[in-house]
């Protein structure tokens, strides 16, 4: 049905665009002009009744923008064909009228185009900065601008439908509260990040979990200190949550180095009595060989300079005592081997793990597209940072990737880039993960 509306809109845009030329040649038909002009204006405000199905205003505007761009393309094809035909029939006899008709057609179609492109640029999340810039740069390049426009239409159309389906799904199951676990969820970030109020490390995942009944807390620990120091911080944080809420325990989901921090907290800081389950996500349980290599190759002066700059910057951003080098050394193959020998799992905590693979370096955001090749050389298949062989820990292991060239990176697995990946719905994955904890009684 939506395709019929788009075709109809495109035809109306084309008729309106050609109308000036028709009226100039056949003045008696001027009476048709107001009707098509009003219809054209109406369609620019309300392109299709099909879009009433969208549950949010943003998605509705994004879908309408997509419809306008498709209708613009249809109208452009019809209008171009009409004017090419007219060029052979009337241009020599009525050159001025033909020129006016062409100019009017361009102006009319431009209204539809800019209406559509502004709508999608303002409302789309998935376009991102990259596609927006490509669209702007290719706008005046013949042929290239068609490919850019096709990409924009594809991304925005898919986004509107996908996000609306998610809204409908959450609406249908809202009463079930499938993520309302016995114990609240504590999300623990990895190295070189902090828990900011307006820039969530976990992307859209926490909101999706809350919509399905979850109670969420964050680690709020420093971005880069040793595993032992992070373990102490997290233990104090968990104790504070338990005391504040009376929840007795928490379910921890920890990403990257955060998984090692939590294992240390459980085994060495007494946090085991406050933790029901630990789910580690892309954690380097067996370290990273490429980290060993880099630390041996990089001159001490360079390492100290990097560490000094990082520590000074993070102190200004809220860390009390950041320690860049300690956090990096604790991720090496050598340190993790020693860690696994001395830090034993607690029998009272349920452990499970998740890992993913990035299939091609170019599909990882910087710097993962750079580190992927180094990690692959030393550690084999990886997520752009950590090897597949390092992820598995605990009673249950889930491995994630996608078909084809995309894969799932170290950042994708926590929705760091807020990207909808074909073949992997990261938000629904976590909904089912937490639902699974609920079914286990946690």
Protein backbone atom coordinates (compact mmCIF):
# COMPACT_ATOMS: atom_id res chain seq x y z
CA UNK A 1 0.00 0.00 0.00
CA UNK A 2 2.76 2.45 0.90
CA UNK A 3 4.35 1.94 -2.53
CA UNK A 4 1.08 2.92 -4.23
CA UNK A 5 0.98 6.13 -2.21
CA UNK A 6 4.58 6.91 -3.16
CA UNK A 7 3.87 6.33 -6.87
CA UNK A 8 0.73 8.45 -6.67
CA UNK A 9 2.65 11.23 -4.91
CA UNK A 10 5.39 11.06 -7.53
CA UNK A 11 2.87 11.33 -10.35
CA UNK A 12 1.22 14.35 -8.67
CA UNK A 13 4.63 15.99 -8.18
CA UNK A 14 5.39 15.38 -11.86
CA UNK A 15 2.04 16.74 -13.04
CA UNK A 16 2.49 19.83 -10.86
CA UNK A 17 6.02 20.30 -12.17
CA UNK A 18 4.85 20.00 -15.79
CA UNK A 19 1.74 22.10 -15.28
CA UNK A 20 3.43 25.41 -15.96
CA UNK A 21 4.44 24.27 -19.40
CA UNK A 22 0.98 22.88 -20.16
CA UNK A 23 -0.74 26.09 -19.04
CA UNK A 24 1.66 28.22 -21.08
CA UNK A 25 0.88 26.22 -24.19
CA UNK A 26 -2.82 25.76 -23.47
CA UNK A 27 -4.05 28.72 -21.35
CA UNK A 28 -7.58 27.33 -21.22
CA UNK A 29 -6.29 24.62 -18.86
CA UNK A 30 -5.28 27.16 -16.20
CA UNK A 31 -8.34 26.14 -14.21
CA UNK A 32 -6.54 22.86 -13.34
CA UNK A 33 -3.62 24.67 -11.75
CA UNK A 34 -5.13 25.52 -8.33
CA UNK A 35 -6.23 21.92 -7.80
CA UNK A 36 -2.79 20.44 -8.44
CA UNK A 37 -1.00 23.20 -6.53
CA UNK A 38 -3.19 22.58 -3.46
CA UNK A 39 -2.69 18.84 -3.79
CA UNK A 40 1.06 19.35 -4.12
CA UNK A 41 1.17 21.47 -0.96
CA UNK A 42 -0.98 18.97 0.92
CA UNK A 43 1.33 16.08 0.00
CA UNK A 44 4.34 18.06 1.17
CA UNK A 45 2.71 18.38 4.58
CA UNK A 46 1.11 14.95 4.74
CA UNK A 47 2.68 12.59 2.18
CA UNK A 48 0.82 9.40 3.05
CA UNK A 49 -1.89 8.15 5.45
CA UNK A 50 0.18 4.97 5.73
CA UNK A 51 2.53 6.83 8.08
CA UNK A 52 -0.17 7.24 10.70
CA UNK A 53 0.78 3.75 11.88
CA UNK A 54 4.07 5.01 13.35
CA UNK A 55 3.93 5.23 17.12
CA UNK A 56 6.25 8.22 17.58
CA UNK A 57 6.36 11.66 16.00
CA UNK A 58 10.07 11.30 15.14
CA UNK A 59 9.56 8.06 13.26
CA UNK A 60 6.52 9.45 11.46
CA UNK A 61 8.49 12.48 10.24
CA UNK A 62 11.42 10.26 9.23
CA UNK A 63 9.10 7.95 7.26
CA UNK A 64 7.39 10.93 5.61
CA UNK A 65 10.77 12.32 4.63
CA UNK A 66 11.64 8.98 3.04
CA UNK A 67 8.35 8.96 1.15
CA UNK A 68 8.96 12.48 -0.12
CA UNK A 69 12.42 11.55 -1.42
CA UNK A 70 11.06 8.47 -3.21
CA UNK A 71 8.20 10.50 -4.66
CA UNK A 72 10.72 13.14 -5.71
CA UNK A 73 12.68 10.51 -7.66
CA UNK A 74 9.52 9.21 -9.34
CA UNK A 75 8.39 12.73 -10.15
CA UNK A 76 11.84 13.61 -11.51
CA UNK A 77 11.84 10.62 -13.87
CA UNK A 78 8.36 11.43 -15.21
CA UNK A 79 9.06 15.17 -15.48
CA UNK A 80 12.39 14.60 -17.21
CA UNK A 81 10.79 12.26 -19.74
CA UNK A 82 8.02 14.78 -20.38
CA UNK A 83 10.41 17.66 -20.96
CA UNK A 84 12.74 15.63 -23.14
CA UNK A 85 9.73 14.76 -25.31
CA UNK A 86 8.56 18.38 -25.30
CA UNK A 87 12.00 19.54 -26.36
CA UNK A 88 11.52 17.90 -29.75
CA UNK A 89 7.94 19.12 -30.13
CA UNK A 90 7.73 22.69 -28.85
CA UNK A 91 11.15 24.05 -27.96
CA UNK A 92 11.88 25.52 -31.40
CA UNK A 93 8.45 27.18 -31.60
CA UNK A 94 8.15 28.23 -27.96
CA UNK A 95 11.70 28.45 -26.53
CA UNK A 96 10.79 30.96 -23.79
CA UNK A 97 7.78 28.98 -22.64
CA UNK A 98 9.85 25.80 -22.66
CA UNK A 99 12.58 27.46 -20.56
CA UNK A 100 10.00 28.74 -18.05
CA UNK A 101 8.47 25.28 -17.85
CA UNK A 102 11.85 23.69 -17.14
CA UNK A 103 12.67 26.26 -14.47
CA UNK A 104 9.29 25.82 -12.78
CA UNK A 105 9.67 22.05 -12.84
CA UNK A 106 13.06 22.30 -11.12
CA UNK A 107 11.64 24.62 -8.44
CA UNK A 108 8.62 22.41 -7.79
CA UNK A 109 10.69 19.24 -7.48
CA UNK A 110 13.25 21.05 -5.32
CA UNK A 111 10.52 21.80 -2.80
CA UNK A 112 9.74 18.07 -2.51
CA UNK A 113 13.43 17.15 -2.29
CA UNK A 114 14.39 19.67 0.39
CA UNK A 115 11.27 18.92 2.37
CA UNK A 116 12.22 15.23 2.40
CA UNK A 117 15.95 15.62 2.99
CA UNK A 118 15.51 18.07 5.86
CA UNK A 119 13.04 15.74 7.54
CA UNK A 120 15.34 12.71 7.41
CA UNK A 121 18.49 14.66 8.31
CA UNK A 122 16.79 16.08 11.40
CA UNK A 123 15.05 12.91 12.62
CA UNK A 124 17.18 9.92 11.56
CA UNK A 125 19.60 8.40 14.06
CA UNK A 126 21.00 5.74 11.75
CA UNK A 127 22.19 8.13 9.04
CA UNK A 128 25.01 9.13 11.33
CA UNK A 129 27.61 11.76 10.54
CA UNK A 130 29.29 9.73 7.79
CA UNK A 131 26.25 9.27 5.53
CA UNK A 132 25.13 12.85 6.14
CA UNK A 133 28.50 14.17 4.98
CA UNK A 134 28.55 11.83 1.97
CA UNK A 135 25.07 13.08 1.04
CA UNK A 136 26.20 16.70 1.20
CA UNK A 137 29.43 16.10 -0.75
CA UNK A 138 27.74 14.03 -3.47
CA UNK A 139 24.75 16.33 -3.82
CA UNK A 140 26.17 18.18 -6.83
CA UNK A 141 27.99 15.25 -8.44
CA UNK A 142 25.96 13.59 -11.24
CA UNK A 143 25.30 9.86 -10.81
CA UNK A 144 27.04 9.88 -7.40
CA UNK A 145 24.19 11.91 -5.96
CA UNK A 146 21.72 9.18 -7.01
CA UNK A 147 23.68 6.51 -5.14
CA UNK A 148 23.92 8.77 -2.09
CA UNK A 149 20.18 9.47 -2.19
CA UNK A 150 19.39 5.77 -2.59
CA UNK A 151 21.51 5.02 0.50
CA UNK A 152 19.76 7.72 2.51
CA UNK A 153 16.33 6.42 1.48
CA UNK A 154 17.27 2.83 2.32
CA UNK A 155 18.72 3.66 5.76
CA UNK A 156 15.88 5.97 6.83
CA UNK A 157 13.09 3.75 5.52
CA UNK A 158 14.53 0.70 7.27
CA UNK A 159 15.09 2.67 10.48
CA UNK A 160 11.51 3.92 10.67
CA UNK A 161 10.01 0.44 10.16
CA UNK A 162 12.47 -1.30 12.50
CA UNK A 163 12.11 1.18 15.35
CA UNK A 164 8.32 1.20 15.04
CA UNK A 165 8.25 -2.60 15.23
CA UNK A 166 10.29 -2.38 18.45
CA UNK A 167 7.87 0.11 19.95
CA UNK A 168 4.96 -2.16 19.09
CA UNK A 169 6.73 -5.21 20.54
CA UNK A 170 7.48 -3.46 23.84
CA UNK A 171 3.91 -2.18 23.99
CA UNK A 172 2.51 -5.68 23.49
CA UNK A 173 4.64 -7.26 26.23
CA UNK A 174 4.78 -4.34 28.67
CA UNK A 175 2.47 -6.04 31.17
CA UNK A 176 4.74 -9.12 31.27
CA UNK A 177 7.78 -7.20 32.60
CA UNK A 178 10.06 -9.93 31.25
CA UNK A 179 13.19 -8.12 32.52
CA UNK A 180 11.97 -7.64 36.10
CA UNK A 181 14.58 -9.82 37.78
CA UNK A 182 14.63 -10.76 41.46
CA UNK A 183 17.79 -8.67 41.88
CA UNK A 184 18.53 -5.38 40.06
CA UNK A 185 20.98 -5.15 37.16
CA UNK A 186 24.36 -3.49 37.64
CA UNK A 187 26.05 -2.45 34.38
CA UNK A 188 29.84 -2.22 34.63
CA UNK A 189 31.80 -0.37 31.92
CA UNK A 190 35.18 -1.31 30.48
CA UNK A 191 38.48 0.53 30.46
CA UNK A 192 38.90 4.16 29.26
CA UNK A 193 35.25 5.05 29.74
CA UNK A 194 33.09 6.53 32.48
CA UNK A 195 29.40 6.41 33.32
CA UNK A 196 28.08 9.76 32.16
CA UNK A 197 24.49 10.86 32.66
CA UNK A 198 23.95 12.15 29.12
CA UNK A 199 26.36 9.91 27.20
CA UNK A 200 25.49 6.34 28.08
CA UNK A 201 28.27 3.79 27.59
CA UNK A 202 25.61 1.13 27.00
CA UNK A 203 23.80 3.04 24.27
CA UNK A 204 20.09 2.31 24.02
CA UNK A 205 20.26 -0.91 26.03
CA UNK A 206 19.37 0.44 29.52
CA UNK A 207 16.22 2.19 28.28
CA UNK A 208 15.12 -0.97 26.48
CA UNK A 209 15.63 -3.02 29.64
CA UNK A 210 13.71 -0.50 31.74
CA UNK A 211 10.79 -0.57 29.28
CA UNK A 212 10.58 -4.29 30.00
CA UNK A 213 10.69 -3.98 33.77
CA UNK A 214 14.39 -3.99 34.68
CA UNK A 215 15.88 -1.93 37.51
CA UNK A 216 19.26 -0.57 36.40
CA UNK A 217 22.33 0.69 38.28
CA UNK A 218 25.80 1.62 37.05
CA UNK A 219 29.27 0.89 38.40
CA UNK A 220 30.32 4.57 38.50
CA UNK A 221 33.94 3.50 38.98
CA UNK A 222 37.03 5.17 37.53
CA UNK A 223 37.86 4.78 33.86
CA UNK A 224 41.38 3.39 34.13
CA UNK A 225 42.94 1.89 37.23
CA UNK A 226 44.26 -1.57 38.02
CA UNK A 227 41.89 -4.53 38.19
CA UNK A 228 42.44 -4.72 41.94
CA UNK A 229 41.60 -1.05 42.51
CA UNK A 230 38.51 -1.29 40.30
CA UNK A 231 37.46 -4.39 42.21
CA UNK A 232 37.60 -2.49 45.50
CA UNK A 233 35.62 0.43 44.05
CA UNK A 234 32.94 -1.84 42.61
CA UNK A 235 32.58 -3.73 45.86
CA UNK A 236 31.89 -0.49 47.71
CA UNK A 237 29.44 0.56 45.00
CA UNK A 238 27.55 -2.75 45.27
CA UNK A 239 27.40 -2.50 49.06
CA UNK A 240 25.95 1.00 48.73
CA UNK A 241 23.27 -0.22 46.29
CA UNK A 242 22.32 -3.11 48.57
CA UNK A 243 22.14 -0.83 51.60
CA UNK A 244 20.16 1.84 49.76
CA UNK A 245 17.59 -0.48 48.18
CA UNK A 246 17.55 -3.50 50.47
CA UNK A 247 17.84 -5.73 47.38
CA UNK A 248 20.32 -8.15 49.06
CA UNK A 249 22.15 -8.88 45.79
CA UNK A 250 22.66 -7.62 42.23
CA UNK A 251 23.05 -9.21 38.81
CA UNK A 252 26.20 -7.83 37.20
CA UNK A 253 26.67 -7.41 33.44
CA UNK A 254 30.24 -6.30 32.82
CA UNK A 255 31.94 -5.34 29.56
CA UNK A 256 35.59 -5.78 28.61
CA UNK A 257 37.99 -5.13 31.54
CA UNK A 258 34.91 -4.67 33.71
CA UNK A 259 34.53 -8.45 33.72
CA UNK A 260 37.98 -8.91 35.27
CA UNK A 261 37.25 -6.13 37.76
CA UNK A 262 34.09 -7.92 38.88
CA UNK A 263 35.77 -11.32 39.12
CA UNK A 264 38.35 -9.74 41.42
CA UNK A 265 35.63 -8.05 43.48
CA UNK A 266 33.82 -11.36 43.91
CA UNK A 267 36.85 -13.46 44.82
CA UNK A 268 39.10 -11.02 46.65
CA UNK A 269 36.91 -8.23 48.07
CA UNK A 270 33.98 -10.12 49.54
CA UNK A 271 31.50 -9.01 46.87
CA UNK A 272 30.39 -12.62 46.31
CA UNK A 273 27.79 -12.31 49.09
CA UNK A 274 26.19 -9.40 47.20
CA UNK A 275 26.32 -10.75 43.63
CA UNK A 276 23.86 -13.35 42.34
CA UNK A 277 25.25 -13.60 38.80
CA UNK A 278 28.08 -12.23 36.68
CA UNK A 279 27.72 -11.96 32.90
CA UNK A 280 30.96 -10.92 31.23
CA UNK A 281 30.70 -9.35 27.77
CA UNK A 282 33.73 -9.50 25.45
CA UNK A 283 36.05 -9.69 28.45
CA UNK A 284 39.73 -10.59 27.80
CA UNK A 285 39.81 -13.38 30.39
CA UNK A 286 43.02 -14.73 28.86
CA UNK A 287 44.51 -11.38 27.99
CA UNK A 288 45.65 -9.86 24.71
CA UNK A 289 48.96 -10.92 23.20
CA UNK A 290 49.07 -7.80 21.05
CA UNK A 291 48.98 -5.72 24.25
CA UNK A 292 52.14 -7.52 25.43
CA UNK A 293 53.79 -6.79 22.09
CA UNK A 294 52.89 -3.10 22.05
CA UNK A 295 54.01 -2.53 25.64
CA UNK A 296 57.38 -4.09 24.87
CA UNK A 297 57.87 -2.15 21.63
CA UNK A 298 56.69 1.33 22.61
CA UNK A 299 59.52 3.39 24.20
CA UNK A 300 59.13 4.22 27.89
CA UNK A 301 59.15 7.95 27.17
CA UNK A 302 56.17 7.59 24.80
CA UNK A 303 54.25 5.39 27.25
CA UNK A 304 54.84 7.82 30.09
CA UNK A 305 53.74 10.75 27.93
CA UNK A 306 50.50 9.03 26.90
CA UNK A 307 49.80 7.91 30.47
CA UNK A 308 50.51 11.37 31.89
CA UNK A 309 48.21 13.09 29.41
CA UNK A 310 45.41 10.58 29.97
CA UNK A 311 45.64 10.68 33.76
CA UNK A 312 45.66 14.48 33.85
CA UNK A 313 42.65 14.68 31.52
CA UNK A 314 40.59 12.13 33.44
CA UNK A 315 41.28 13.82 36.76
CA UNK A 316 39.58 16.89 35.32
CA UNK A 317 36.68 14.71 34.15
CA UNK A 318 36.06 13.16 37.56
CA UNK A 319 38.47 10.27 38.18
CA UNK A 320 40.09 10.57 41.61
CA UNK A 321 43.28 8.65 40.85
CA UNK A 322 43.48 7.34 37.24
CA UNK A 323 46.32 4.96 36.42
CA UNK A 324 46.56 4.38 32.67
CA UNK A 325 49.55 2.03 32.68
CA UNK A 326 48.24 -0.25 35.43
CA UNK A 327 44.94 -0.72 33.60
CA UNK A 328 46.73 -1.59 30.35
CA UNK A 329 49.25 -3.98 31.91
CA UNK A 330 46.41 -5.88 33.61
CA UNK A 331 45.04 -6.77 30.16
CA UNK A 332 48.20 -8.46 28.91
CA UNK A 333 48.45 -12.18 28.32
CA UNK A 334 51.03 -12.55 31.08
CA UNK A 335 49.03 -10.72 33.75
CA UNK A 336 45.78 -12.52 32.88
CA UNK A 337 47.44 -15.93 33.19
CA UNK A 338 48.60 -15.02 36.69
CA UNK A 339 45.18 -13.53 37.45
CA UNK A 340 43.34 -16.74 36.46
CA UNK A 341 45.65 -18.84 38.61
CA UNK A 342 45.11 -16.78 41.75
CA UNK A 343 41.55 -15.44 41.37
CA UNK A 344 39.12 -18.36 41.68
CA UNK A 345 35.40 -18.31 40.99
CA UNK A 346 32.96 -18.25 43.87
CA UNK A 347 30.60 -21.26 44.04
CA UNK A 348 27.78 -18.96 45.19
CA UNK A 349 27.83 -16.85 41.99
CA UNK A 350 26.47 -17.88 38.60
CA UNK A 351 29.01 -17.06 35.86
CA UNK A 352 28.28 -16.78 32.14
CA UNK A 353 29.97 -15.03 29.23
CA UNK A 354 29.40 -13.47 25.83
CA UNK A 355 31.82 -12.89 22.96
CA UNK A 356 31.60 -11.58 19.41
CA UNK A 357 33.60 -11.42 16.20
CA UNK A 358 34.16 -8.55 13.79
CA UNK A 359 34.31 -10.08 10.31
CA UNK A 360 36.12 -7.21 8.59
CA UNK A 361 38.23 -4.39 9.98
CA UNK A 362 36.46 -1.72 7.91
CA UNK A 363 33.19 -2.45 9.71
CA UNK A 364 34.61 -1.43 13.06
CA UNK A 365 34.54 2.18 14.21
CA UNK A 366 37.90 3.85 14.91
CA UNK A 367 40.12 2.73 16.59
CA UNK A 368 38.81 -0.85 16.28
CA UNK A 369 39.27 -0.80 12.49
CA UNK A 370 42.96 -0.15 13.18
CA UNK A 371 43.56 -2.53 16.11
CA UNK A 372 41.67 -5.36 14.39
CA UNK A 373 44.65 -6.24 12.16
CA UNK A 374 47.13 -6.17 15.05
CA UNK A 375 44.86 -8.33 17.20
CA UNK A 376 44.31 -10.75 14.32
CA UNK A 377 48.06 -11.11 13.74
CA UNK A 378 48.80 -12.00 17.37
CA UNK A 379 45.50 -13.40 18.69
CA UNK A 380 43.51 -14.59 15.66
CA UNK A 381 39.81 -13.82 14.98
CA UNK A 382 38.67 -10.98 17.23
CA UNK A 383 36.14 -8.21 17.90
CA UNK A 384 38.58 -5.49 16.92
CA UNK A 385 40.36 -5.70 20.26
CA UNK A 386 39.94 -9.04 22.05
CA UNK A 387 40.35 -12.51 20.53
CA UNK A 388 37.62 -15.14 20.37
CA UNK A 389 39.73 -17.51 22.46
CA UNK A 390 39.71 -15.06 25.38
CA UNK A 391 35.96 -14.58 25.88
CA UNK A 392 34.66 -17.85 27.31
CA UNK A 393 34.10 -17.98 31.06
CA UNK A 394 31.56 -19.66 33.29
CA UNK A 395 28.71 -22.11 32.91
CA UNK A 396 27.25 -20.70 29.72
CA UNK A 397 28.91 -19.04 26.72
CA UNK A 398 27.18 -17.15 23.88
CA UNK A 399 29.08 -16.30 20.71
CA UNK A 400 27.76 -13.55 18.46
CA UNK A 401 28.44 -12.53 14.88
CA UNK A 402 26.49 -11.89 11.69
CA UNK A 403 26.40 -13.47 8.26
CA UNK A 404 28.49 -11.81 5.59
CA UNK A 405 31.14 -9.19 6.10
CA UNK A 406 29.75 -7.14 9.00
CA UNK A 407 30.23 -8.99 12.24
CA UNK A 408 29.92 -7.48 15.73
CA UNK A 409 32.70 -5.39 17.21
CA UNK A 410 33.85 -4.72 20.77
CA UNK A 411 31.75 -1.54 20.71
CA UNK A 412 28.77 -2.96 18.81
CA UNK A 413 28.10 -5.54 21.50
CA UNK A 414 27.23 -2.78 24.00
CA UNK A 415 25.53 -0.51 21.45
CA UNK A 416 28.26 2.08 21.86
CA UNK A 417 27.58 3.51 18.40
CA UNK A 418 23.75 3.24 18.51
CA UNK A 419 23.82 1.43 15.17
CA UNK A 420 21.12 -0.95 13.93
CA UNK A 421 23.07 -3.92 12.58
CA UNK A 422 21.43 -6.24 10.09
CA UNK A 423 21.13 -9.68 11.64
CA UNK A 424 21.78 -8.54 15.21
CA UNK A 425 19.32 -6.60 17.34
CA UNK A 426 21.55 -5.62 20.26
CA UNK A 427 18.73 -4.23 22.40
CA UNK A 428 16.57 -7.34 22.03
CA UNK A 429 19.61 -9.51 22.76
CA UNK A 430 19.98 -7.88 26.18
CA UNK A 431 16.24 -8.06 26.82
CA UNK A 432 16.40 -11.82 26.28
CA UNK A 433 19.63 -12.07 28.28
CA UNK A 434 18.07 -10.40 31.32
CA UNK A 435 14.86 -12.35 30.79
CA UNK A 436 16.98 -15.49 30.98
CA UNK A 437 18.39 -14.39 34.34
CA UNK A 438 14.84 -13.87 35.56
CA UNK A 439 13.86 -17.38 34.49
CA UNK A 440 16.87 -18.76 36.42
CA UNK A 441 15.56 -17.10 39.57
CA UNK A 442 18.09 -14.27 39.67
